[in-house]
Amino acid sequence: MFGGQGNRSEHPLNGWDREVHLRHGLTRYQRGRDHFEVRVTVICAEPDRGDEPGTVAALLGELGCRATLGRFDLGGLDLEAIAAQPPTVVIVEAGDDLGRAQKSIKRMRDEGPLVEVPILIAVTVARLPALDFSIGFNDFVLMPIVPAELYARMRQLDWRTATFGSDELLKVDDLVIDIAGYEARLAGRRIELTHQEFELLRFLGQHRGRVFTREALLERAWGYRYAGGTRTVDIHVRRVRAKLGEAGAMIETVRNVGYKMRG
């Protein structure tokens, strides 16, 4: 993914992507959404020392990210402002202080505006065996931190948790619908779908949050009135849900109306 020094003229990057590539010699750009703005909340033992070299906050500054700092007890954070505009990611700078860091993560996952925000914990190799993977963080990074790795992990977290769409690609949680490639993947695994199943999934994905009657799905998803009647919609929805497993719950039944994909 990352390599040696690249030619600056080859990378038409914006914002913090440009900072990372030009300062740290990253030679390939992971294409994502345009104008990717990174807002990071850093939880650490001593926020007042956040500008010291080697700290997470200092590295984020080098990467061009906007960071706000708070203590392990979440002191120093403007929770109302965070609720109005949540960060892209929370980084808990545990280091060797794993006990307080993990309590902080549990507190964030229990309540407050950071409940749904992805969390990355930074920990030393010495404390890695004691890391409790059940407390609710999404990923970890080892200290001392390599800037390129920090960049990659934040981008990966944003991709995992994002919901977005374009003319050729739709993403809902772990489901990615590649319209141009005519395939769907769930957590990276290809889902084998028939033509009608794919078209149904694509149509619902392109209209997330909107409810469609069975008649409308027959006409608009498949472009014709199927001889089997509206019952065929129920059958195909059931098959798609089965192939998606637990993720199939994103296709919701609206009683006495029809179906929608969760927005």
Protein backbone atom coordinates (compact mmCIF):
# COMPACT_ATOMS: atom_id res chain seq x y z
CA MET A 1 0.00 0.00 0.00
CA PHE A 2 2.78 2.38 0.86
CA GLY A 3 6.18 2.77 -0.72
CA GLY A 4 9.06 5.12 -1.39
CA GLN A 5 9.13 8.72 -2.53
CA GLY A 6 6.67 9.51 -5.31
CA ASN A 7 6.46 12.23 -7.94
CA ARG A 8 4.34 15.09 -6.60
CA SER A 9 2.92 15.88 -9.99
CA GLU A 10 1.37 12.40 -10.16
CA HIS A 11 -0.94 12.95 -7.17
CA PRO A 12 -3.75 15.53 -7.55
CA LEU A 13 -4.62 15.36 -3.85
CA ASN A 14 -6.66 17.60 -1.60
CA GLY A 15 -6.44 18.52 2.08
CA TRP A 16 -4.80 16.16 4.48
CA ASP A 17 -4.23 13.53 1.75
CA ARG A 18 -1.76 15.91 0.17
CA GLU A 19 0.00 16.46 3.49
CA VAL A 20 0.41 12.75 4.10
CA HIS A 21 1.66 11.92 0.64
CA LEU A 22 4.11 14.79 0.27
CA ARG A 23 5.52 14.67 3.78
CA HIS A 24 5.77 10.93 4.18
CA GLY A 25 6.39 9.75 0.63
CA LEU A 26 3.23 7.70 0.11
CA THR A 27 3.15 6.64 -3.51
CA ARG A 28 -0.47 5.50 -3.93
CA TYR A 29 -3.70 7.31 -3.20
CA GLN A 30 -6.61 5.28 -1.85
CA ARG A 31 -9.50 6.78 -3.78
CA GLY A 32 -12.43 7.70 -1.54
CA ARG A 33 -14.99 10.43 -1.30
CA ASP A 34 -13.94 13.83 -2.58
CA HIS A 35 -12.94 16.48 -0.05
CA PHE A 36 -12.47 14.01 2.80
CA GLU A 37 -12.38 16.19 5.91
CA VAL A 38 -10.86 14.62 9.01
CA ARG A 39 -11.92 15.74 12.47
CA VAL A 40 -10.30 13.77 15.26
CA THR A 41 -10.96 13.71 18.99
CA VAL A 42 -7.90 12.56 20.94
CA ILE A 43 -8.34 11.14 24.43
CA CYS A 44 -5.14 11.05 26.44
CA ALA A 45 -3.63 11.38 29.91
CA GLU A 46 -2.28 14.93 29.54
CA PRO A 47 -3.96 17.02 26.82
CA ASP A 48 -1.79 20.01 27.76
CA ARG A 49 1.23 18.13 26.42
CA GLY A 50 -0.46 17.24 23.15
CA ASP A 51 1.87 19.36 21.06
CA GLU A 52 5.00 17.50 22.18
CA PRO A 53 6.82 15.56 19.42
CA GLY A 54 5.73 11.95 19.07
CA THR A 55 2.27 12.41 20.59
CA VAL A 56 -0.82 11.46 18.62
CA ALA A 57 -1.98 15.09 18.48
CA ALA A 58 1.38 16.23 17.12
CA LEU A 59 1.31 13.56 14.41
CA LEU A 60 -2.23 14.50 13.47
CA GLY A 61 -1.11 18.09 13.10
CA GLU A 62 1.59 16.93 10.68
CA LEU A 63 -1.05 15.01 8.75
CA GLY A 64 -3.21 18.12 8.41
CA CYS A 65 -6.04 16.86 10.63
CA ARG A 66 -8.13 18.99 12.96
CA ALA A 67 -7.83 17.55 16.46
CA THR A 68 -9.51 18.34 19.78
CA LEU A 69 -8.12 16.87 22.97
CA GLY A 70 -9.74 15.54 26.11
CA ARG A 71 -8.75 13.59 29.20
CA PHE A 72 -9.48 9.93 29.92
CA ASP A 73 -12.44 11.05 32.05
CA LEU A 74 -13.62 13.02 28.97
CA GLY A 75 -12.92 16.29 30.73
CA GLY A 76 -12.06 19.21 28.48
CA LEU A 77 -14.43 18.14 25.70
CA ASP A 78 -17.31 20.29 24.48
CA LEU A 79 -19.88 17.50 24.27
CA GLU A 80 -22.57 19.77 22.81
CA ALA A 81 -20.27 20.79 19.96
CA ILE A 82 -19.31 17.15 19.40
CA ALA A 83 -22.98 16.16 19.27
CA ALA A 84 -23.63 18.85 16.65
CA GLN A 85 -20.62 17.82 14.55
CA PRO A 86 -19.18 14.42 15.53
CA PRO A 87 -15.55 13.67 14.74
CA THR A 88 -14.53 11.30 11.98
CA VAL A 89 -12.68 9.14 14.49
CA VAL A 90 -11.71 9.07 18.17
CA ILE A 91 -8.11 8.12 18.99
CA VAL A 92 -7.46 6.97 22.54
CA GLU A 93 -3.76 7.43 23.25
CA ALA A 94 -3.32 4.70 25.84
CA GLY A 95 0.40 4.08 25.70
CA ASP A 96 1.15 2.04 28.83
CA ASP A 97 -1.85 3.47 30.71
CA LEU A 98 -4.21 0.80 29.42
CA GLY A 99 -6.49 0.65 32.46
CA ARG A 100 -7.69 4.26 32.29
CA ALA A 101 -7.83 4.16 28.50
CA GLN A 102 -10.11 1.15 28.45
CA LYS A 103 -12.40 2.67 31.09
CA SER A 104 -12.63 5.74 28.89
CA ILE A 105 -13.65 3.65 25.88
CA LYS A 106 -16.33 1.87 27.92
CA ARG A 107 -17.68 5.25 29.05
CA MET A 108 -17.85 6.51 25.46
CA ARG A 109 -19.63 3.37 24.31
CA ASP A 110 -22.18 3.50 27.15
CA GLU A 111 -23.62 6.95 26.43
CA GLY A 112 -22.97 10.38 24.98
CA PRO A 113 -22.26 11.82 21.51
CA LEU A 114 -19.33 9.47 20.80
CA VAL A 115 -21.29 6.22 21.07
CA GLU A 116 -21.36 5.61 17.29
CA VAL A 117 -18.00 7.19 16.39
CA PRO A 118 -15.25 4.70 15.42
CA ILE A 119 -12.50 4.41 18.04
CA LEU A 120 -8.81 3.70 17.39
CA ILE A 121 -6.68 2.89 20.43
CA ALA A 122 -2.92 3.55 20.42
CA VAL A 123 -1.05 1.15 22.70
CA THR A 124 2.51 0.02 23.31
CA VAL A 125 3.70 -3.45 22.35
CA ALA A 126 4.29 -4.24 26.02
CA ARG A 127 0.62 -3.63 26.89
CA LEU A 128 -0.85 -5.30 23.80
CA PRO A 129 -1.39 -8.72 25.50
CA ALA A 130 -3.61 -7.02 28.12
CA LEU A 131 -5.81 -5.27 25.55
CA ASP A 132 -9.49 -6.18 26.00
CA PHE A 133 -10.96 -6.53 22.51
CA SER A 134 -14.52 -6.71 23.84
CA ILE A 135 -14.82 -3.14 25.12
CA GLY A 136 -15.93 -1.57 21.85
CA PHE A 137 -12.97 -0.05 20.00
CA ASN A 138 -12.75 -0.62 16.23
CA ASP A 139 -9.01 -0.95 15.65
CA PHE A 140 -5.64 -0.43 17.31
CA VAL A 141 -2.27 1.00 16.34
CA LEU A 142 1.06 0.34 18.01
CA MET A 143 3.22 3.03 19.58
CA PRO A 144 5.53 4.59 18.62
CA ILE A 145 3.22 5.42 15.75
CA VAL A 146 4.28 5.39 12.11
CA PRO A 147 2.46 8.30 10.39
CA ALA A 148 1.69 6.26 7.26
CA GLU A 149 0.07 3.53 9.36
CA LEU A 150 -1.98 6.05 11.31
CA TYR A 151 -3.18 7.54 8.03
CA ALA A 152 -4.12 4.15 6.63
CA ARG A 153 -6.02 3.03 9.72
CA MET A 154 -8.05 6.24 9.94
CA ARG A 155 -9.01 5.96 6.28
CA GLN A 156 -9.96 2.33 6.79
CA LEU A 157 -12.17 3.20 9.76
CA ASP A 158 -13.90 5.93 7.78
CA TRP A 159 -14.54 3.50 4.92
CA ARG A 160 -15.88 0.78 7.24
CA THR A 161 -18.37 3.05 8.99
CA ALA A 162 -19.40 5.30 6.12
CA THR A 163 -22.66 5.14 4.21
CA PHE A 164 -22.47 6.78 0.82
CA GLY A 165 -23.38 6.37 -2.80
CA SER A 166 -22.36 7.36 -6.28
CA ASP A 167 -23.41 6.46 -9.80
CA GLU A 168 -21.19 3.37 -9.74
CA LEU A 169 -20.80 2.40 -6.07
CA LEU A 170 -23.11 2.18 -3.07
CA LYS A 171 -22.01 1.44 0.49
CA VAL A 172 -24.28 0.71 3.42
CA ASP A 173 -22.42 -0.44 6.53
CA ASP A 174 -20.35 -3.47 5.39
CA LEU A 175 -22.34 -3.94 2.20
CA VAL A 176 -20.82 -2.57 -1.00
CA ILE A 177 -22.90 -2.66 -4.19
CA ASP A 178 -20.72 -2.23 -7.27
CA ILE A 179 -23.21 -1.11 -9.91
CA ALA A 180 -20.63 -0.86 -12.70
CA GLY A 181 -19.11 -4.25 -11.86
CA TYR A 182 -22.53 -5.79 -11.26
CA GLU A 183 -21.63 -7.43 -7.96
CA ALA A 184 -22.21 -7.04 -4.25
CA ARG A 185 -19.77 -7.68 -1.42
CA LEU A 186 -20.38 -7.99 2.29
CA ALA A 187 -17.34 -7.33 4.50
CA GLY A 188 -15.21 -8.02 1.42
CA ARG A 189 -16.91 -11.33 0.60
CA ARG A 190 -18.70 -11.57 -2.74
CA ILE A 191 -22.42 -12.35 -2.49
CA GLU A 192 -23.76 -14.58 -5.25
CA LEU A 193 -26.98 -12.97 -6.50
CA THR A 194 -29.26 -13.68 -9.42
CA HIS A 195 -30.08 -10.89 -11.85
CA GLN A 196 -33.39 -10.12 -10.17
CA GLU A 197 -31.88 -10.27 -6.67
CA PHE A 198 -29.11 -7.86 -7.63
CA GLU A 199 -31.51 -5.42 -9.27
CA LEU A 200 -33.76 -5.47 -6.20
CA LEU A 201 -30.80 -4.83 -3.87
CA ARG A 202 -29.44 -2.10 -6.16
CA PHE A 203 -32.77 -0.31 -6.39
CA LEU A 204 -33.38 -0.34 -2.64
CA GLY A 205 -29.79 0.78 -2.04
CA GLN A 206 -30.19 3.71 -4.42
CA HIS A 207 -33.33 4.82 -2.57
CA ARG A 208 -32.39 4.22 1.05
CA GLY A 209 -35.01 5.30 3.54
CA ARG A 210 -37.87 5.32 1.02
CA VAL A 211 -40.71 2.81 1.23
CA PHE A 212 -41.89 1.07 -1.95
CA THR A 213 -44.96 -1.04 -2.46
CA ARG A 214 -44.57 -4.47 -3.99
CA GLU A 215 -46.16 -3.20 -7.18
CA ALA A 216 -43.67 -0.32 -7.37
CA LEU A 217 -40.74 -2.70 -6.86
CA LEU A 218 -42.00 -4.95 -9.64
CA GLU A 219 -42.23 -2.03 -12.03
CA ARG A 220 -39.23 0.05 -11.01
CA ALA A 221 -36.65 -2.51 -9.87
CA TRP A 222 -37.23 -4.97 -12.70
CA GLY A 223 -38.83 -2.72 -15.28
CA TYR A 224 -41.86 -4.88 -16.02
CA ARG A 225 -44.91 -6.48 -14.42
CA TYR A 226 -43.81 -9.99 -13.50
CA ALA A 227 -46.38 -12.69 -14.28
CA GLY A 228 -46.02 -14.17 -10.83
CA GLY A 229 -47.51 -11.08 -9.22
CA THR A 230 -46.43 -9.25 -6.11
CA ARG A 231 -45.67 -12.45 -4.23
CA THR A 232 -42.45 -12.77 -6.20
CA VAL A 233 -41.20 -9.61 -4.45
CA ASP A 234 -41.62 -11.28 -1.06
CA ILE A 235 -39.77 -14.35 -2.31
CA HIS A 236 -36.83 -12.34 -3.67
CA VAL A 237 -36.61 -10.15 -0.57
CA ARG A 238 -36.49 -13.29 1.57
CA ARG A 239 -33.71 -14.77 -0.61
CA VAL A 240 -31.64 -11.57 -0.55
CA ARG A 241 -31.98 -11.30 3.22
CA ALA A 242 -30.87 -14.92 3.59
CA LYS A 243 -27.77 -14.33 1.47
CA LEU A 244 -26.88 -11.23 3.48
CA GLY A 245 -27.21 -13.05 6.79
CA GLU A 246 -27.48 -10.71 9.78
CA ALA A 247 -26.96 -7.73 7.46
CA GLY A 248 -30.23 -8.65 5.75
CA ALA A 249 -32.03 -6.76 8.51
CA MET A 250 -31.18 -3.55 6.63
CA ILE A 251 -34.05 -4.46 4.28
CA GLU A 252 -37.04 -3.62 6.42
CA THR A 253 -40.67 -4.65 6.02
CA VAL A 254 -43.16 -1.81 6.38
CA ARG A 255 -46.38 -3.47 7.38
CA ASN A 256 -49.29 -3.11 4.94
CA VAL A 257 -47.07 -1.09 2.58
CA GLY A 258 -43.94 -2.82 1.29
CA TYR A 259 -40.18 -2.66 1.78
CA LYS A 260 -37.35 -0.19 2.27
CA MET A 261 -33.64 -0.25 2.89
CA ARG A 262 -32.65 1.37 6.14
CA GLY A 263 -31.33 4.88 5.49
